[in-house]
Protein backbone atom coordinates (compact mmCIF):
# COMPACT_ATOMS: atom_id res chain seq x y z
CA MET A 1 38.71 25.14 0.14
CA PRO A 2 38.17 22.40 -2.45
CA GLU A 3 38.66 18.77 -1.54
CA ASN A 4 40.37 16.14 -3.65
CA ARG A 5 38.03 15.02 -6.36
CA SER A 6 38.05 11.43 -5.17
CA SER A 7 36.59 12.45 -1.83
CA ILE A 8 34.19 15.21 -2.82
CA THR A 9 30.48 14.79 -2.32
CA ARG A 10 28.70 16.41 -5.23
CA SER A 11 26.29 19.14 -4.30
CA ALA A 12 24.05 21.39 -6.33
CA PRO A 13 25.94 23.51 -8.88
CA ARG A 14 26.71 27.10 -8.03
CA PRO A 15 24.76 29.83 -9.84
CA GLY A 16 25.40 29.94 -13.61
CA ARG A 17 28.03 32.30 -14.92
CA ARG A 18 29.56 33.23 -18.26
CA LEU A 19 31.77 30.15 -18.52
CA LEU A 20 29.52 27.52 -17.00
CA ALA A 21 28.43 26.04 -20.31
CA ALA A 22 31.98 26.08 -21.57
CA ALA A 23 32.99 23.89 -18.67
CA ALA A 24 30.77 21.08 -19.81
CA VAL A 25 31.88 20.93 -23.43
CA LEU A 26 35.28 22.18 -24.53
CA PRO A 27 35.92 20.92 -28.09
CA LEU A 28 39.62 21.69 -28.23
CA ALA A 29 40.58 18.25 -29.43
CA VAL A 30 39.61 14.86 -30.66
CA THR A 31 40.60 12.15 -28.22
CA GLY A 32 41.02 8.41 -28.35
CA LEU A 33 43.66 6.49 -30.30
CA ALA A 34 44.24 2.88 -31.13
CA VAL A 35 47.93 2.57 -31.90
CA ALA A 36 48.54 0.80 -35.18
CA ALA A 37 51.48 -1.41 -36.01
CA PRO A 38 54.86 0.24 -36.65
CA ALA A 39 55.18 2.05 -39.95
CA THR A 40 56.13 -0.13 -42.91
CA ALA A 41 59.85 0.03 -43.49
CA VAL A 42 60.98 1.76 -46.68
CA PRO A 43 64.03 0.30 -48.46
CA ALA A 44 67.04 2.58 -48.69
CA ALA A 45 67.13 4.44 -51.99
CA VAL A 46 69.35 6.87 -53.78
CA SER A 47 68.37 10.44 -52.93
CA VAL A 48 66.62 12.13 -55.85
CA VAL A 49 65.19 15.28 -54.29
CA PRO A 50 62.57 17.13 -56.37
CA THR A 51 63.72 20.40 -57.93
CA GLY A 52 60.67 22.52 -57.09
CA PRO A 53 60.68 25.61 -54.86
CA THR A 54 61.92 25.19 -51.29
CA ALA A 55 59.24 24.53 -48.71
CA SER A 56 58.70 24.57 -44.95
CA VAL A 57 55.80 22.35 -43.83
CA ALA A 58 53.77 22.29 -40.60
CA LEU A 59 52.07 19.06 -39.49
CA GLY A 60 50.00 18.21 -36.47
CA ASP A 61 47.37 19.76 -34.25
CA SER A 62 45.88 23.08 -33.17
CA TYR A 63 49.05 24.31 -31.48
CA ILE A 64 50.72 24.58 -34.87
CA SER A 65 47.72 25.06 -37.17
CA GLY A 66 47.30 28.62 -35.88
CA GLU A 67 44.23 28.11 -33.70
CA ALA A 68 43.30 31.34 -31.84
CA GLY A 69 45.31 33.49 -34.24
CA ARG A 70 42.12 35.52 -34.64
CA TRP A 71 42.59 37.24 -31.28
CA MET A 72 44.95 40.05 -30.28
CA GLY A 73 44.80 39.42 -26.56
CA ASN A 74 41.56 39.04 -24.59
CA ALA A 75 38.84 41.50 -23.59
CA ALA A 76 35.72 40.58 -21.66
CA GLY A 77 33.51 42.98 -23.65
CA THR A 78 30.57 41.62 -25.64
CA SER A 79 30.19 44.04 -28.55
CA GLY A 80 31.94 44.91 -31.79
CA ALA A 81 35.62 44.14 -32.12
CA ARG A 82 35.93 43.37 -28.36
CA ASN A 83 38.07 46.42 -27.62
CA GLY A 84 40.10 45.83 -30.75
CA THR A 85 41.02 42.22 -30.04
CA ASP A 86 38.91 40.53 -32.74
CA ARG A 87 40.77 40.47 -36.06
CA ALA A 88 37.74 38.84 -37.70
CA TRP A 89 35.59 41.94 -37.16
CA ASN A 90 34.73 43.50 -40.54
CA GLY A 91 33.06 46.61 -39.17
CA SER A 92 29.59 45.17 -38.78
CA SER A 93 30.02 41.50 -37.92
CA ALA A 94 32.63 38.83 -37.30
CA ASP A 95 33.92 36.80 -40.25
CA PRO A 96 36.39 34.15 -39.05
CA SER A 97 37.36 33.35 -42.64
CA LEU A 98 39.25 36.66 -42.66
CA VAL A 99 41.76 34.92 -40.38
CA TYR A 100 41.30 31.18 -40.96
CA GLY A 101 40.34 31.24 -44.63
CA ALA A 102 38.39 28.24 -45.88
CA THR A 103 39.46 26.24 -42.82
CA ALA A 104 37.17 28.33 -40.61
CA ALA A 105 34.30 26.26 -42.00
CA SER A 106 36.00 22.88 -41.47
CA GLY A 107 37.39 23.76 -38.04
CA CYS A 108 41.03 23.07 -38.93
CA ASP A 109 41.56 26.80 -38.19
CA ARG A 110 44.81 27.44 -40.06
CA SER A 111 45.32 31.11 -39.33
CA ASP A 112 47.10 33.75 -41.36
CA VAL A 113 49.69 34.08 -38.57
CA ALA A 114 50.35 30.37 -38.02
CA GLU A 115 53.86 29.47 -36.91
CA VAL A 116 55.00 28.19 -40.30
CA LEU A 117 53.90 31.43 -41.97
CA GLY A 118 55.67 33.58 -39.39
CA ALA A 119 58.99 31.86 -40.11
CA SER A 120 59.14 33.55 -43.49
CA THR A 121 62.86 33.33 -44.20
CA ILE A 122 63.19 29.55 -44.11
CA ALA A 123 61.74 28.62 -47.49
CA GLN A 124 59.94 30.00 -50.53
CA ASN A 125 56.73 28.13 -49.82
CA ARG A 126 55.28 27.84 -46.32
CA ILE A 127 52.70 25.07 -46.22
CA ASN A 128 50.36 24.42 -43.31
CA LEU A 129 48.86 20.91 -43.25
CA ALA A 130 48.06 20.91 -39.52
CA CYS A 131 44.48 20.73 -38.33
CA SER A 132 42.92 21.62 -35.00
CA GLY A 133 41.87 18.49 -33.15
CA ALA A 134 44.38 16.16 -34.78
CA VAL A 135 45.67 13.08 -32.99
CA THR A 136 48.67 11.06 -34.07
CA ALA A 137 46.52 8.75 -36.21
CA ASN A 138 45.58 11.77 -38.33
CA VAL A 139 49.25 12.10 -39.28
CA PHE A 140 49.85 8.46 -40.28
CA ARG A 141 49.49 7.42 -43.93
CA ALA A 142 46.11 5.86 -44.71
CA ALA A 143 47.93 2.70 -45.81
CA ASP A 144 49.35 2.37 -42.28
CA GLY A 145 46.26 3.08 -40.24
CA GLY A 146 46.00 6.83 -40.79
CA GLN A 147 42.63 8.48 -40.35
CA SER A 148 41.05 11.40 -42.18
CA LEU A 149 39.96 14.44 -40.18
CA LYS A 150 37.41 17.14 -40.99
CA GLY A 151 37.16 16.08 -44.62
CA GLU A 152 40.92 15.97 -45.19
CA ALA A 153 43.18 13.03 -45.97
CA PRO A 154 45.77 11.94 -43.38
CA GLN A 155 48.50 14.53 -43.15
CA ALA A 156 51.32 12.19 -44.22
CA ASP A 157 49.44 11.51 -47.46
CA GLN A 158 49.10 15.25 -48.04
CA LEU A 159 52.81 15.62 -47.30
CA ALA A 160 53.60 13.09 -50.04
CA THR A 161 52.13 15.44 -52.64
CA VAL A 162 53.93 18.46 -51.18
CA ALA A 163 57.23 16.57 -51.14
CA ARG A 164 56.97 15.75 -54.85
CA GLN A 165 56.09 19.29 -55.86
CA ASN A 166 58.59 21.14 -53.68
CA THR A 167 62.07 20.80 -52.27
CA VAL A 168 61.12 20.37 -48.63
CA LYS A 169 63.76 21.79 -46.29
CA LEU A 170 61.94 21.73 -42.94
CA ILE A 171 59.04 19.78 -41.43
CA THR A 172 57.75 20.90 -38.02
CA LEU A 173 55.48 18.59 -36.05
CA SER A 174 53.24 19.33 -33.05
CA ILE A 175 51.26 16.28 -31.96
CA GLY A 176 50.38 14.16 -28.94
CA GLY A 177 48.41 16.58 -26.76
CA ASN A 178 45.05 15.40 -28.03
CA ASP A 179 46.08 11.75 -27.61
CA LEU A 180 46.60 12.60 -23.94
CA GLY A 181 43.07 14.02 -23.71
CA PHE A 182 44.17 17.61 -23.12
CA SER A 183 40.72 19.05 -23.84
CA GLY A 184 39.07 16.68 -21.39
CA ILE A 185 41.56 17.63 -18.70
CA ILE A 186 40.79 21.32 -19.16
CA SER A 187 37.05 20.66 -19.16
CA ASN A 188 37.26 18.65 -15.93
CA CYS A 189 39.39 21.26 -14.20
CA VAL A 190 37.01 24.05 -15.21
CA GLN A 191 33.99 22.08 -14.02
CA ASP A 192 35.71 21.39 -10.72
CA TYR A 193 36.22 25.12 -10.24
CA LEU A 194 32.78 26.27 -11.37
CA ILE A 195 30.54 23.44 -10.21
CA TRP A 196 31.95 20.77 -7.96
CA ASN A 197 34.20 22.77 -5.65
CA SER A 198 36.91 20.14 -5.99
CA TYR A 199 40.43 19.79 -7.38
CA CYS A 200 41.11 18.05 -10.67
CA HIS A 201 44.85 17.49 -10.57
CA ASP A 202 44.93 14.08 -8.89
CA SER A 203 42.55 12.41 -11.33
CA ALA A 204 44.04 14.34 -14.26
CA GLN A 205 47.55 13.22 -13.35
CA SER A 206 46.40 9.61 -13.27
CA SER A 207 44.82 10.02 -16.69
CA VAL A 208 47.98 11.54 -18.17
CA ASP A 209 50.14 8.79 -16.70
CA GLN A 210 47.87 6.08 -18.08
CA GLN A 211 47.71 7.52 -21.58
CA MET A 212 51.32 8.68 -21.90
CA PRO A 213 52.88 5.42 -23.22
CA THR A 214 50.29 5.02 -25.98
CA ALA A 215 50.40 8.71 -26.88
CA MET A 216 54.20 8.78 -27.14
CA ALA A 217 54.19 5.57 -29.17
CA GLY A 218 51.85 7.39 -31.55
CA VAL A 219 54.19 10.36 -31.75
CA GLY A 220 57.05 8.04 -32.57
CA LYS A 221 55.05 6.35 -35.29
CA ALA A 222 54.05 9.74 -36.73
CA ILE A 223 57.76 10.54 -37.12
CA ASP A 224 58.31 7.17 -38.79
CA GLU A 225 55.44 7.88 -41.17
CA ILE A 226 56.89 11.25 -42.11
CA ARG A 227 60.30 9.67 -42.73
CA ALA A 228 58.70 6.98 -44.88
CA VAL A 229 56.85 9.54 -47.00
CA MET A 230 59.99 11.58 -47.53
CA ALA A 231 62.03 8.52 -48.46
CA GLY A 232 59.33 7.50 -50.91
CA ALA A 233 59.57 10.92 -52.53
CA GLY A 234 63.32 10.51 -53.02
CA TYR A 235 64.70 12.32 -49.98
CA ALA A 236 67.52 11.15 -47.76
CA GLN A 237 67.16 12.10 -44.10
CA THR A 238 70.01 14.59 -44.56
CA ASP A 239 68.08 16.44 -47.27
CA TYR A 240 65.64 18.02 -44.82
CA ARG A 241 65.21 18.74 -41.13
CA LEU A 242 62.45 17.35 -38.95
CA VAL A 243 61.54 19.18 -35.73
CA LEU A 244 59.25 17.94 -32.98
CA GLN A 245 57.96 20.66 -30.69
CA SER A 246 56.24 20.62 -27.31
CA TYR A 247 53.42 22.70 -25.84
CA PRO A 248 53.36 25.98 -23.89
CA SER A 249 51.28 26.49 -20.76
CA PRO A 250 48.36 28.86 -21.47
CA ILE A 251 47.76 29.58 -17.76
CA PRO A 252 50.20 30.81 -15.09
CA ARG A 253 51.06 29.31 -11.75
CA SER A 254 48.91 30.58 -8.86
CA ALA A 255 51.47 33.11 -7.58
CA GLU A 256 51.26 34.86 -10.97
CA MET A 257 47.45 35.00 -11.27
CA ARG A 258 46.11 38.56 -11.29
CA TYR A 259 42.62 37.54 -10.08
CA PRO A 260 41.88 36.06 -6.63
CA GLU A 261 41.05 32.39 -6.32
CA SER A 262 37.63 33.09 -4.79
CA GLY A 263 34.80 35.03 -6.41
CA TRP A 264 33.90 35.12 -10.08
CA SER A 265 36.59 37.34 -11.58
CA ARG A 266 38.66 34.39 -12.78
CA SER A 267 35.71 33.04 -14.72
CA ASP A 268 33.60 36.04 -15.74
CA THR A 269 36.41 38.52 -16.42
CA GLY A 270 39.71 36.69 -16.78
CA GLY A 271 38.56 33.50 -18.49
CA CYS A 272 40.89 31.42 -16.29
CA PRO A 273 38.57 29.40 -14.01
CA PHE A 274 41.12 27.17 -12.26
CA TRP A 275 41.90 26.60 -8.61
CA ASP A 276 45.39 27.61 -7.49
CA ALA A 277 46.46 24.03 -6.89
CA ASP A 278 45.24 22.95 -10.33
CA ALA A 279 46.94 25.89 -12.03
CA ASP A 280 50.21 25.04 -10.29
CA TRP A 281 49.88 21.41 -11.33
CA ALA A 282 49.17 22.29 -14.98
CA ARG A 283 51.98 24.86 -15.19
CA ASP A 284 54.70 23.09 -13.23
CA SER A 285 53.84 19.39 -13.54
CA MET A 286 51.71 18.47 -16.56
CA VAL A 287 53.29 20.74 -19.17
CA PRO A 288 56.88 19.86 -18.17
CA GLN A 289 55.99 16.15 -18.05
CA ILE A 290 54.61 16.23 -21.58
CA SER A 291 57.60 18.21 -22.79
CA LYS A 292 60.04 15.74 -21.24
CA ALA A 293 58.21 12.80 -22.83
CA LEU A 294 58.24 14.45 -26.26
CA ALA A 295 61.95 15.24 -25.88
CA GLY A 296 62.52 11.57 -25.23
CA VAL A 297 60.71 10.59 -28.43
CA ALA A 298 62.70 13.17 -30.40
CA ALA A 299 65.97 11.79 -29.04
CA THR A 300 64.98 8.19 -29.81
CA LYS A 301 63.96 9.06 -33.37
CA GLY A 302 66.92 11.36 -34.04
CA VAL A 303 64.95 14.54 -34.76
CA GLN A 304 65.48 18.05 -33.45
CA PHE A 305 63.41 19.12 -30.44
CA LEU A 306 61.94 22.55 -29.69
CA ASP A 307 60.80 22.99 -26.09
CA LEU A 308 57.98 25.52 -25.84
CA SER A 309 56.95 24.83 -22.24
CA ASP A 310 58.11 28.28 -21.02
CA MET A 311 57.36 30.18 -24.23
CA LEU A 312 54.37 32.02 -22.72
CA GLN A 313 55.89 32.72 -19.32
CA GLY A 314 54.45 36.03 -18.07
CA ARG A 315 52.13 36.24 -21.11
CA GLU A 316 49.61 33.59 -20.06
CA VAL A 317 45.87 34.12 -19.56
CA CYS A 318 45.35 36.05 -16.30
CA SER A 319 49.07 36.62 -15.74
CA THR A 320 49.92 39.48 -13.41
CA ALA A 321 52.36 40.77 -16.04
CA THR A 322 49.57 41.37 -18.59
CA GLN A 323 46.27 43.23 -18.80
CA GLN A 324 43.13 43.20 -20.89
CA PRO A 325 42.67 45.95 -23.50
CA THR A 326 40.00 48.57 -22.80
CA ALA A 327 38.01 50.86 -25.05
CA GLY A 328 40.57 53.58 -24.38
CA SER A 329 43.67 51.40 -24.51
CA GLY A 330 43.79 48.82 -27.28
CA PRO A 331 45.76 45.60 -27.69
CA SER A 332 49.52 45.64 -27.32
CA ALA A 333 52.21 43.07 -28.05
CA THR A 334 53.97 44.04 -24.85
CA THR A 335 51.05 44.19 -22.39
CA SER A 336 48.27 41.94 -23.78
CA GLU A 337 47.98 38.21 -23.13
CA TRP A 338 49.55 35.88 -25.69
CA ALA A 339 47.04 33.05 -25.20
CA ARG A 340 43.27 32.86 -25.65
CA PHE A 341 41.13 32.80 -22.52
CA LEU A 342 38.38 30.26 -21.97
CA ASP A 343 35.71 31.60 -24.29
CA GLY A 344 32.10 30.56 -23.84
CA GLY A 345 29.09 30.76 -21.59
CA LEU A 346 25.37 30.69 -21.09
CA ASN A 347 24.67 34.01 -22.78
CA THR A 348 27.40 34.72 -25.29
CA THR A 349 30.49 33.31 -26.90
CA GLN A 350 32.87 35.77 -28.51
CA GLY A 351 34.40 33.36 -30.98
CA VAL A 352 34.75 29.61 -31.33
CA LEU A 353 35.16 27.66 -28.11
CA GLN A 354 37.93 25.49 -29.55
CA GLU A 355 40.15 28.57 -29.76
CA SER A 356 40.40 28.60 -25.97
CA MET A 357 43.77 27.95 -24.29
CA HIS A 358 45.84 28.35 -27.47
CA PRO A 359 48.50 30.92 -28.42
CA ASP A 360 46.69 33.94 -29.89
CA TYR A 361 47.86 36.41 -32.54
CA TYR A 362 50.79 37.57 -30.43
CA GLY A 363 51.60 34.03 -29.37
CA GLN A 364 51.56 32.83 -32.98
CA LEU A 365 53.99 35.56 -33.99
CA ALA A 366 56.24 34.48 -31.13
CA LEU A 367 56.09 30.86 -32.29
CA GLY A 368 57.08 31.92 -35.78
CA ARG A 369 60.08 33.74 -34.34
CA CYS A 370 61.04 30.64 -32.33
CA LEU A 371 61.01 28.53 -35.48
CA THR A 372 63.08 31.10 -37.34
CA LEU A 373 65.66 31.07 -34.56
CA LEU A 374 65.75 27.27 -34.48
CA TRP A 375 66.36 27.18 -38.23
CA GLY A 376 69.58 29.01 -37.54
CA GLN A 377 70.74 26.08 -35.39
CA SER A 378 71.45 23.12 -37.65
CA THR A 379 71.79 20.68 -34.77
CA GLY A 380 70.88 20.43 -31.10
CA ASP A 381 67.74 20.80 -28.99
CA TYR A 382 66.57 24.18 -27.72
CA ALA A 383 63.97 25.87 -25.55
CA CYS A 384 62.36 29.10 -26.75
CA ARG A 385 61.52 31.87 -24.28
CA ASN A 386 60.28 35.46 -24.39
CA THR A 387 61.83 38.63 -23.01
CA ALA A 388 59.60 40.52 -20.57
CA GLY A 389 58.32 43.80 -21.96
CA GLN A 390 59.20 42.98 -25.58
CA ASP A 391 57.20 41.75 -28.55
CA ALA A 392 57.97 38.62 -30.60
CA GLY A 393 61.29 40.13 -31.56
CA GLY A 394 62.45 39.42 -28.00
CA MET A 395 62.17 35.63 -28.33
CA TYR A 396 65.41 33.75 -27.74
CA LEU A 397 66.73 30.17 -27.58
CA THR A 398 68.56 28.36 -24.80
CA ALA A 399 70.30 25.04 -25.38
CA LYS A 400 68.70 22.00 -23.76
């Protein structure tokens, strides 16, 4: 069995397998954040809301941009449409722009099934400003320390234009995971499974604990920046709703893994190369800890909170309640996984590595349903969960 990482003596790596290269570099996020000073206060003003079409706006990172929306479940095959899972397959080759549009080239990966688009009854215009890899500084206004990302202006500055041209009714924010170094945590845990024969959770927990205060301060400032932009565009806080959401776990706890801990099936077939103890830590410690911290920020800032920590329960990568499509049995909203497996390796990569460990096509549809349901609740914090054996229509809310 693996030893704690702090005590392991590194030995020669085990033989290469499909996901070995992915373990070393997993570009899911951009990390590192220097927290700027608090957002500049905006004097109170009379509300003069623009009279344009109503709008629902998504801000933040890959978990709301629609990353991995290309995939209808996961299949380990290496040819064609991957047993029907690849929505970017055009009959002869893969064209990610069919799903992500122009943002496939930049890497923001705003998919055609992103959460804000799936919540179609909220507003006339559904506008996705989120970008895969964003940290809180990418949300701040440039005038208050905001940083551009992938050729785009800070998201709050983009929101200012949207707010003037539309009557914004809802803003949904997903941010903070990259400030906590989520991609690095995944990469370390995968390497510990594939190479070092050690656990990652002790060192990863220390890293999360160390970075949490700065990350949550950044989330709080992002909310302040959004409020400032909206006030500058003539909105009172009662003219729109602001929702902060948390993150779902893309992997199950060990008791719900359909592949054994030993051998190569978790890596080569399932795309879930994690030790049992690390999977349990991620599912039952890290994800709830992040969710609780975000809920605290939402409460402090007076915004609505949507807890997504259990949203993928039973639909995670390698869950015993799901299965991979085959050539004879294609993808299904009720049996396929709702999150993207770890995609990459020495010989082939099906798609883009940064899609790994994000809600896929089915997961994005479920997120859209969660947001639609939350819109029906004018106040209060809620958790969104799925109903076993049902598609996105089975999503439901429980009060927090």
